[in-house]
Amino acid sequence: MIDTAKSLMRKKMKRQLAALLSSVFYSEGVRGASFIQRLALWKQYETVLLFLSMPDEIDTGPLLEAALSDGKRVFVPRVMSDTPYTAPDALSLTHRSLCFFRVYSISGPWHYGAYHIREPLTMRAEDRLGPELFPSLIIVPGMAFDREGRRLGHGRGYYDRFFAELDARGLAYATIGFCLEAQLVERVPTDLYDKQMNAVCTGEAVSQKMSAS
């Protein structure tokens, strides 16, 4: 039942997003970045993990620029697969998992990886996210969110696996779901394994419900 409800909500949201003008994704990204910068959560953390947006996601370029301007240590994800990464004390990798690397500029350099998503070109060991960089603030993508912090992902499980690893290792972090106002729904169907966000931010408002771990 839950899986069916999730699938139907994803299909509905994809149709809604496809109908929006491209300018909406950027304009809400600008306003959303301003909202996040004013949050206590933003000011609390020196390390920020930030997704690089796809065309049908709120534009995270303005937030990346803001994070670098504010002097944050900024890490963005790259999808890794098959061969484990063996940097000393690095977070482990499972098959097709997220691996975060530090970026120093809004211009990257980037390459296009899985699902044609922009990813950091660098794979230097010294730029790899490790447990010593926690507590961290994680800006999380999703197909839909509700104001209680429930999240509907894209269905691939990358962030679910990443959160499970952080929790298993006892690493402290806070999460902010970042999306368009159109992606807010009354209630997201969830199960026991779905991570609830500490806050949800759109280009119109912020909802903050949970304390950080």
Protein backbone atom coordinates (compact mmCIF):
# COMPACT_ATOMS: atom_id res chain seq x y z
CA MET A 1 0.00 0.00 0.00
CA ILE A 2 2.72 2.50 0.96
CA ASP A 3 4.79 1.69 -2.16
CA THR A 4 1.74 2.15 -4.38
CA ALA A 5 0.89 5.49 -2.75
CA LYS A 6 4.47 6.66 -3.21
CA SER A 7 4.50 5.64 -6.87
CA LEU A 8 1.25 7.48 -7.58
CA MET A 9 2.49 10.63 -5.82
CA ARG A 10 5.75 10.57 -7.80
CA LYS A 11 3.86 10.30 -11.10
CA LYS A 12 1.53 13.15 -10.16
CA MET A 13 4.42 15.35 -9.05
CA LYS A 14 6.39 14.69 -12.23
CA ARG A 15 3.41 15.88 -14.28
CA GLN A 16 3.10 19.04 -12.17
CA LEU A 17 6.80 19.86 -12.42
CA ALA A 18 6.83 19.31 -16.18
CA ALA A 19 4.16 22.01 -16.54
CA LEU A 20 6.19 24.70 -14.76
CA LEU A 21 8.26 27.38 -16.48
CA SER A 22 12.03 27.00 -16.09
CA SER A 23 12.17 30.48 -14.52
CA VAL A 24 10.21 29.20 -11.51
CA PHE A 25 12.97 26.78 -10.53
CA TYR A 26 15.55 29.57 -10.48
CA SER A 27 13.45 32.28 -8.84
CA GLU A 28 12.37 29.99 -6.00
CA GLY A 29 15.98 28.84 -5.65
CA VAL A 30 17.06 32.44 -5.07
CA ARG A 31 14.35 33.09 -2.48
CA GLY A 32 14.81 29.71 -0.81
CA ALA A 33 18.55 30.30 -0.43
CA SER A 34 17.79 33.57 1.35
CA PHE A 35 15.38 31.81 3.72
CA ILE A 36 17.88 29.07 4.56
CA GLN A 37 20.66 31.59 5.24
CA ARG A 38 18.52 33.12 7.97
CA LEU A 39 17.86 29.81 9.74
CA ALA A 40 19.57 29.02 13.03
CA LEU A 41 20.41 25.60 11.55
CA TRP A 42 22.41 27.28 8.80
CA LYS A 43 24.39 29.37 11.25
CA GLN A 44 25.00 26.39 13.54
CA TYR A 45 26.95 24.23 11.07
CA GLU A 46 30.28 24.86 9.37
CA THR A 47 29.98 21.88 7.00
CA VAL A 48 27.13 21.78 4.46
CA LEU A 49 26.24 18.87 2.18
CA LEU A 50 24.33 20.22 -0.81
CA PHE A 51 22.75 18.47 -3.79
CA LEU A 52 23.29 19.83 -7.30
CA SER A 53 19.89 20.34 -8.85
CA MET A 54 18.49 18.65 -11.94
CA PRO A 55 16.34 20.70 -14.37
CA ASP A 56 13.14 19.61 -12.59
CA GLU A 57 14.39 20.56 -9.10
CA ILE A 58 14.63 23.87 -7.30
CA ASP A 59 17.84 25.54 -8.46
CA THR A 60 20.55 25.06 -5.82
CA GLY A 61 23.06 27.29 -7.60
CA PRO A 62 22.13 30.34 -5.49
CA LEU A 63 22.45 28.30 -2.28
CA LEU A 64 25.84 26.92 -3.36
CA GLU A 65 27.02 30.49 -3.99
CA ALA A 66 25.65 31.60 -0.61
CA ALA A 67 27.33 28.73 1.22
CA LEU A 68 30.71 29.48 -0.31
CA SER A 69 30.26 33.20 0.38
CA ASP A 70 29.44 32.43 4.03
CA GLY A 71 32.67 30.46 4.38
CA LYS A 72 31.03 27.04 4.73
CA ARG A 73 32.87 23.81 3.93
CA VAL A 74 30.66 22.67 1.04
CA PHE A 75 30.41 19.08 -0.15
CA VAL A 76 28.33 17.86 -3.09
CA PRO A 77 27.45 14.26 -4.05
CA ARG A 78 28.83 11.94 -6.64
CA VAL A 79 27.31 8.50 -7.32
CA MET A 80 29.92 5.78 -6.89
CA SER A 81 29.51 2.11 -7.70
CA ASP A 82 31.11 -1.31 -7.48
CA THR A 83 34.70 -0.56 -6.42
CA PRO A 84 34.99 0.54 -2.77
CA TYR A 85 36.80 3.80 -2.07
CA THR A 86 39.72 3.14 0.26
CA ALA A 87 40.68 6.55 1.63
CA PRO A 88 41.72 6.28 5.30
CA ASP A 89 38.76 6.56 7.67
CA ALA A 90 36.45 7.54 4.83
CA LEU A 91 32.75 6.77 4.95
CA SER A 92 32.19 3.36 3.43
CA LEU A 93 30.54 2.77 0.08
CA THR A 94 27.97 0.21 -0.90
CA HIS A 95 26.89 -0.55 -4.46
CA ARG A 96 25.83 2.71 -6.15
CA SER A 97 26.07 4.99 -3.13
CA LEU A 98 26.51 8.70 -2.62
CA CYS A 99 30.02 9.94 -2.01
CA PHE A 100 30.52 13.61 -1.14
CA PHE A 101 33.48 15.73 -2.27
CA ARG A 102 34.36 19.28 -1.32
CA VAL A 103 33.93 22.08 -3.84
CA TYR A 104 35.54 25.50 -3.67
CA SER A 105 33.83 27.35 -6.52
CA ILE A 106 30.41 27.62 -8.14
CA SER A 107 32.13 26.64 -11.41
CA GLY A 108 33.21 23.26 -10.05
CA PRO A 109 34.81 21.78 -12.09
CA TRP A 110 31.93 19.42 -12.86
CA HIS A 111 31.18 16.37 -14.94
CA TYR A 112 27.88 14.62 -15.68
CA GLY A 113 27.38 11.28 -13.99
CA ALA A 114 24.50 8.90 -13.28
CA TYR A 115 21.13 10.07 -14.65
CA HIS A 116 23.03 12.97 -16.29
CA ILE A 117 23.31 14.74 -12.94
CA ARG A 118 26.08 17.29 -12.49
CA GLU A 119 28.75 15.95 -10.11
CA PRO A 120 32.14 17.14 -8.80
CA LEU A 121 34.99 16.21 -11.10
CA THR A 122 37.49 15.92 -8.26
CA MET A 123 38.05 12.60 -6.49
CA ARG A 124 41.03 13.64 -4.39
CA ALA A 125 41.24 11.86 -1.05
CA GLU A 126 41.76 15.17 0.76
CA ASP A 127 38.48 16.49 -0.64
CA ARG A 128 36.45 13.44 0.38
CA LEU A 129 33.86 13.78 3.15
CA GLY A 130 34.91 11.88 6.25
CA PRO A 131 33.48 11.39 9.74
CA GLU A 132 35.75 14.07 11.18
CA LEU A 133 33.66 16.68 9.32
CA PHE A 134 30.53 15.97 11.33
CA PRO A 135 28.27 17.43 12.70
CA SER A 136 27.04 18.56 9.28
CA LEU A 137 23.98 20.16 7.73
CA ILE A 138 22.50 18.20 4.82
CA ILE A 139 20.34 19.91 2.19
CA VAL A 140 18.15 17.14 0.82
CA PRO A 141 16.29 16.82 -2.51
CA GLY A 142 12.96 15.08 -2.94
CA MET A 143 9.94 14.63 -5.17
CA ALA A 144 7.61 15.92 -2.45
CA PHE A 145 7.64 17.00 1.19
CA ASP A 146 5.02 17.90 3.77
CA ARG A 147 5.20 20.56 6.47
CA GLU A 148 5.93 17.95 9.14
CA GLY A 149 9.20 17.09 7.40
CA ARG A 150 8.14 13.85 5.71
CA ARG A 151 9.95 13.26 2.41
CA LEU A 152 9.20 11.40 -0.80
CA GLY A 153 12.44 10.62 -2.62
CA HIS A 154 12.99 9.74 -6.24
CA GLY A 155 12.78 6.03 -5.42
CA ARG A 156 16.43 5.11 -5.87
CA GLY A 157 17.26 5.06 -2.15
CA TYR A 158 20.56 6.96 -2.28
CA TYR A 159 19.79 9.30 0.59
CA ASP A 160 18.05 6.58 2.59
CA ARG A 161 21.22 4.48 2.48
CA PHE A 162 23.38 7.49 3.27
CA PHE A 163 21.30 8.44 6.32
CA ALA A 164 21.31 4.81 7.50
CA GLU A 165 25.10 4.77 7.38
CA LEU A 166 25.40 8.05 9.29
CA ASP A 167 22.97 6.78 11.94
CA ALA A 168 24.79 3.46 12.25
CA ARG A 169 28.03 5.32 12.89
CA GLY A 170 26.45 7.72 15.37
CA LEU A 171 27.37 10.82 13.36
CA ALA A 172 25.44 13.99 14.19
CA TYR A 173 23.68 15.93 11.45
CA ALA A 174 20.61 18.00 10.63
CA THR A 175 18.51 17.90 7.47
CA ILE A 176 16.68 20.53 5.45
CA GLY A 177 14.39 19.41 2.64
CA PHE A 178 14.66 21.91 -0.22
CA CYS A 179 11.99 22.06 -2.92
CA LEU A 180 9.52 24.19 -4.84
CA GLU A 181 6.37 25.38 -3.13
CA ALA A 182 4.47 23.22 -5.65
CA GLN A 183 6.16 20.14 -4.17
CA LEU A 184 4.60 20.63 -0.73
CA VAL A 185 1.73 18.23 -0.15
CA GLU A 186 -0.67 17.66 2.71
CA ARG A 187 0.97 14.39 3.75
CA VAL A 188 3.73 12.25 2.27
CA PRO A 189 3.24 8.47 2.63
CA THR A 190 6.15 7.07 4.63
CA ASP A 191 7.34 3.90 6.30
CA LEU A 192 9.66 3.22 9.24
CA TYR A 193 12.80 3.62 7.14
CA ASP A 194 12.04 7.09 5.79
CA LYS A 195 14.01 9.93 7.37
CA GLN A 196 12.02 12.91 8.59
CA MET A 197 13.57 16.31 7.88
CA ASN A 198 14.40 18.81 10.62
CA ALA A 199 13.07 21.56 8.36
CA VAL A 200 11.58 22.02 4.90
CA CYS A 201 12.29 25.12 2.84
CA THR A 202 10.71 26.28 -0.41
CA GLY A 203 10.94 29.50 -2.34
CA GLU A 204 8.00 30.76 -0.31
CA ALA A 205 8.39 29.60 3.29
CA VAL A 206 10.19 27.48 5.88
CA SER A 207 8.64 24.83 8.13
CA GLN A 208 10.79 23.70 11.04
CA LYS A 209 9.48 20.86 13.18
CA MET A 210 12.26 18.68 14.55
CA SER A 211 15.41 19.21 16.61
CA ALA A 212 18.72 18.16 15.07
CA SER A 213 20.33 14.85 15.94
